[in-house]
Amino acid sequence: FGRYVSPAVLERLRAQREAGAVGTEKRTATVMFTDIRGFTAFAERRAPEEAVAALNRYLQLQADLVRRFHGDVDKFMGDAVFAHFTGNDKALDAIRCAVEMHRAVRQAPEADPTLPPLSLGIGIVTGEVIVGSVGGADRLDYTAVGAPVNLAARLCAAAEPNETLLNDTTFEAVRGLVAAEAASPITVKGFTDPVAPYRMRT
C-alpha cells in the first residue's frame, strides 16, 4: 500500500484509523500541477514499453523532488503530477520544487540519451482545500479537493513550456524571495472573474 500513497499520507491514514475513523479536514495548502509537454507526440512514435519507461523516469524525477521539498504526491494522472505542500514554508517549498523540476527534466536527456527532450508546464496555487477520502463504496482516493486544486490545474494548462504560473496568494507569500512577473489576466473555466497569475520562467 505504501507504494500507492506517500509516507505522509500513509501515516495520516494510520493515525486516523487508530482514532476510529478516516475523516476529512480543511487545511491551507499549496497545491501544484505539472504536465509534461511533448510527451504525447513522443509516445505516438515509440513502442508502448519504451514510452511508459520514459514516462516513469520523468515522473520519478518529479516525485523525488516533491519529497525533497517536503511535499506529497497526491496522484499521477497520465503525464501529469498533482502534489501538495503544507507547513510554514509551503509556498516557497513548492516554488523551489518547481524550479528544480524544470531543471531536472531539461537535463535528463544529457544524463541518459535514451530519454526524449521534454519540458514542463506548472501551476501552483495556495488556498484552503478539503483533504479526505473521495469516491464510492468500491473505490476511494485519499486526495485534496477544492477551488485551489481546480485553479492549479487550469494554470498548469495555461503555462508555456518551462514556465510556472502562480496565483496571487502564492506570490504574496514569497514576495521578495523569488523572481516572478505579473502576467496578463486569463479567463479560467469554472471561475467567474479573470485570474491574474504571476509568471516564472526557468
Protein backbone atom coordinates (compact mmCIF):
# COMPACT_ATOMS: atom_id res chain seq x y z
CA PHE A 1 0.00 0.00 0.00
CA GLY A 2 2.93 2.30 0.71
CA ARG A 3 3.83 2.25 -2.98
CA TYR A 4 0.48 3.83 -3.87
CA VAL A 5 0.37 6.71 -1.39
CA SER A 6 3.09 8.91 0.11
CA PRO A 7 4.58 8.07 3.53
CA ALA A 8 2.96 11.19 5.00
CA VAL A 9 -0.48 10.18 3.73
CA LEU A 10 0.04 6.61 4.91
CA GLU A 11 0.93 7.83 8.39
CA ARG A 12 -2.11 10.14 8.43
CA LEU A 13 -4.44 7.32 7.42
CA ARG A 14 -2.92 5.03 10.05
CA ALA A 15 -3.39 7.65 12.76
CA GLN A 16 -6.99 8.29 11.75
CA ARG A 17 -7.75 4.57 11.69
CA GLU A 18 -6.31 4.17 15.17
CA ALA A 19 -8.51 7.07 16.27
CA GLY A 20 -11.54 5.20 14.96
CA ALA A 21 -12.33 6.98 11.69
CA VAL A 22 -10.84 8.19 8.46
CA GLY A 23 -12.38 11.62 8.11
CA THR A 24 -11.95 14.81 6.15
CA GLU A 25 -10.34 18.08 7.14
CA LYS A 26 -9.86 21.59 5.84
CA ARG A 27 -6.35 22.91 5.61
CA THR A 28 -4.41 25.65 3.89
CA ALA A 29 -2.03 24.12 1.40
CA THR A 30 -0.02 24.97 -1.67
CA VAL A 31 -1.07 22.68 -4.49
CA MET A 32 0.92 22.00 -7.65
CA PHE A 33 0.07 20.51 -11.01
CA THR A 34 2.76 19.65 -13.53
CA ASP A 35 2.31 18.48 -17.09
CA ILE A 36 4.98 17.04 -19.38
CA ARG A 37 4.92 18.93 -22.66
CA GLY A 38 5.76 16.94 -25.78
CA PHE A 39 5.22 13.51 -24.27
CA THR A 40 2.11 12.61 -26.28
CA ALA A 41 3.91 13.25 -29.58
CA PHE A 42 6.88 11.22 -28.36
CA ALA A 43 4.66 8.32 -27.24
CA GLU A 44 2.95 8.14 -30.63
CA ARG A 45 6.30 7.38 -32.28
CA ARG A 46 7.52 4.78 -29.80
CA ALA A 47 6.61 1.27 -28.68
CA PRO A 48 4.33 1.30 -25.62
CA GLU A 49 7.01 -0.21 -23.38
CA GLU A 50 9.53 2.47 -24.38
CA ALA A 51 7.02 5.27 -23.89
CA VAL A 52 5.98 4.05 -20.44
CA ALA A 53 9.59 3.54 -19.37
CA ALA A 54 10.44 7.13 -20.33
CA LEU A 55 7.29 8.45 -18.65
CA ASN A 56 8.10 6.62 -15.44
CA ARG A 57 11.60 8.09 -15.40
CA TYR A 58 10.26 11.63 -15.69
CA LEU A 59 7.54 11.04 -13.12
CA GLN A 60 10.09 9.59 -10.71
CA LEU A 61 12.32 12.63 -11.13
CA GLN A 62 9.43 14.85 -10.13
CA ALA A 63 8.24 12.64 -7.27
CA ASP A 64 11.74 12.60 -5.78
CA LEU A 65 11.84 16.39 -5.85
CA VAL A 66 8.39 16.74 -4.27
CA ARG A 67 9.62 14.57 -1.41
CA ARG A 68 12.89 16.54 -1.17
CA PHE A 69 10.94 19.77 -0.74
CA HIS A 70 8.62 18.36 1.94
CA GLY A 71 5.59 17.80 -0.30
CA ASP A 72 3.30 14.85 -1.00
CA VAL A 73 2.43 13.45 -4.41
CA ASP A 74 -1.34 13.17 -4.39
CA LYS A 75 -1.52 11.22 -7.65
CA PHE A 76 -0.12 10.70 -11.12
CA MET A 77 -2.56 11.37 -13.95
CA GLY A 78 -1.11 10.20 -17.25
CA ASP A 79 1.87 12.50 -17.80
CA ALA A 80 0.76 14.92 -15.06
CA VAL A 81 1.63 15.14 -11.36
CA PHE A 82 -0.63 16.51 -8.63
CA ALA A 83 1.17 17.34 -5.38
CA HIS A 84 0.57 19.46 -2.31
CA PHE A 85 2.75 21.14 0.30
CA THR A 86 1.96 22.15 3.88
CA GLY A 87 3.88 23.79 6.69
CA ASN A 88 5.10 27.33 7.22
CA ASP A 89 7.20 27.38 4.04
CA LYS A 90 4.71 25.59 1.80
CA ALA A 91 4.63 28.21 -0.97
CA LEU A 92 8.40 28.60 -1.09
CA ASP A 93 8.89 24.83 -0.95
CA ALA A 94 6.54 24.35 -3.90
CA ILE A 95 8.24 27.05 -5.96
CA ARG A 96 11.73 25.74 -5.25
CA CYS A 97 10.48 22.29 -6.18
CA ALA A 98 9.10 23.64 -9.46
CA VAL A 99 12.41 25.31 -10.33
CA GLU A 100 14.28 22.07 -9.71
CA MET A 101 11.69 20.07 -11.67
CA HIS A 102 12.16 22.25 -14.74
CA ARG A 103 15.91 21.86 -14.45
CA ALA A 104 15.81 18.10 -13.89
CA VAL A 105 13.50 17.42 -16.84
CA ARG A 106 15.54 19.68 -19.11
CA GLN A 107 18.82 18.00 -18.14
CA ALA A 108 17.59 14.39 -18.06
CA PRO A 109 18.47 13.58 -21.72
CA GLU A 110 22.04 14.77 -21.10
CA ALA A 111 22.48 12.08 -18.47
CA ASP A 112 20.53 9.45 -20.44
CA PRO A 113 20.38 9.96 -24.23
CA THR A 114 17.59 7.37 -24.49
CA LEU A 115 15.23 9.88 -22.88
CA PRO A 116 13.41 12.35 -25.14
CA PRO A 117 13.95 16.11 -24.69
CA LEU A 118 10.77 17.30 -22.97
CA SER A 119 9.65 20.20 -20.80
CA LEU A 120 7.12 21.01 -18.11
CA GLY A 121 4.27 23.45 -17.59
CA ILE A 122 3.48 24.00 -13.90
CA GLY A 123 0.65 25.67 -11.97
CA ILE A 124 0.91 26.50 -8.25
CA VAL A 125 -1.92 27.79 -6.03
CA THR A 126 -2.16 28.42 -2.28
CA GLY A 127 -5.55 28.25 -0.58
CA GLU A 128 -7.91 26.26 1.58
CA VAL A 129 -8.55 22.70 0.42
CA ILE A 130 -10.51 19.75 1.75
CA VAL A 131 -8.46 16.60 2.29
CA GLY A 132 -10.11 13.24 2.75
CA SER A 133 -11.44 10.07 1.22
CA VAL A 134 -13.35 10.70 -2.01
CA GLY A 135 -15.15 8.13 -4.16
CA GLY A 136 -17.72 5.38 -3.94
CA ALA A 137 -18.25 2.22 -1.96
CA ASP A 138 -15.89 0.16 -4.13
CA ARG A 139 -13.11 2.68 -4.71
CA LEU A 140 -11.79 5.58 -2.65
CA ASP A 141 -8.99 8.07 -3.22
CA TYR A 142 -7.42 9.97 -0.36
CA THR A 143 -7.00 13.34 -2.05
CA ALA A 144 -7.32 17.11 -1.86
CA VAL A 145 -10.26 18.88 -3.50
CA GLY A 146 -11.48 22.45 -3.76
CA ALA A 147 -11.16 25.62 -5.80
CA PRO A 148 -7.35 25.88 -5.33
CA VAL A 149 -6.93 22.42 -6.84
CA ASN A 150 -9.04 23.31 -9.86
CA LEU A 151 -7.21 26.62 -10.32
CA ALA A 152 -3.79 24.98 -10.11
CA ALA A 153 -4.82 22.54 -12.85
CA ARG A 154 -6.04 25.43 -15.03
CA LEU A 155 -2.85 27.44 -14.51
CA CYS A 156 -0.80 24.37 -15.36
CA ALA A 157 -2.72 24.00 -18.62
CA ALA A 158 -2.13 27.69 -19.43
CA ALA A 159 1.60 27.64 -18.65
CA GLU A 160 4.06 27.63 -21.52
CA PRO A 161 6.86 25.02 -21.64
CA ASN A 162 9.49 25.77 -18.96
CA GLU A 163 7.05 28.13 -17.24
CA THR A 164 5.40 28.18 -13.82
CA LEU A 165 2.23 30.18 -13.15
CA LEU A 166 1.39 31.20 -9.56
CA ASN A 167 -1.79 32.60 -8.10
CA ASP A 168 -1.59 35.91 -6.23
CA THR A 169 -1.77 34.28 -2.78
CA THR A 170 1.27 32.16 -3.54
CA PHE A 171 3.19 35.13 -4.90
CA GLU A 172 2.40 37.29 -1.86
CA ALA A 173 3.72 34.54 0.41
CA VAL A 174 7.12 34.65 -1.33
CA ARG A 175 7.29 38.30 -2.42
CA GLY A 176 10.92 39.41 -2.35
CA LEU A 177 12.19 35.83 -2.30
CA VAL A 178 11.58 34.75 -5.89
CA ALA A 179 11.66 36.42 -9.30
CA ALA A 180 8.20 36.46 -10.85
CA GLU A 181 6.38 38.91 -13.09
CA ALA A 182 2.71 39.75 -13.34
CA ALA A 183 1.07 38.08 -16.34
CA SER A 184 -1.99 39.21 -18.26
CA PRO A 185 -5.29 38.14 -16.66
CA ILE A 186 -6.70 34.94 -18.09
CA THR A 187 -10.22 33.57 -18.19
CA VAL A 188 -10.31 30.31 -16.28
CA LYS A 189 -13.05 27.73 -16.71
CA GLY A 190 -15.14 27.42 -13.54
CA PHE A 191 -14.13 30.84 -12.18
CA THR A 192 -16.35 33.90 -12.60
CA ASP A 193 -13.65 36.56 -12.62
CA PRO A 194 -10.45 36.56 -14.69
CA VAL A 195 -7.37 35.34 -12.83
CA ALA A 196 -4.19 37.45 -12.82
CA PRO A 197 -1.31 34.98 -12.33
CA TYR A 198 2.38 35.59 -11.82
CA ARG A 199 4.85 34.02 -14.22
CA MET A 200 8.21 32.40 -13.55
CA ARG A 201 10.39 31.22 -16.44
CA THR A 202 13.31 28.87 -15.91
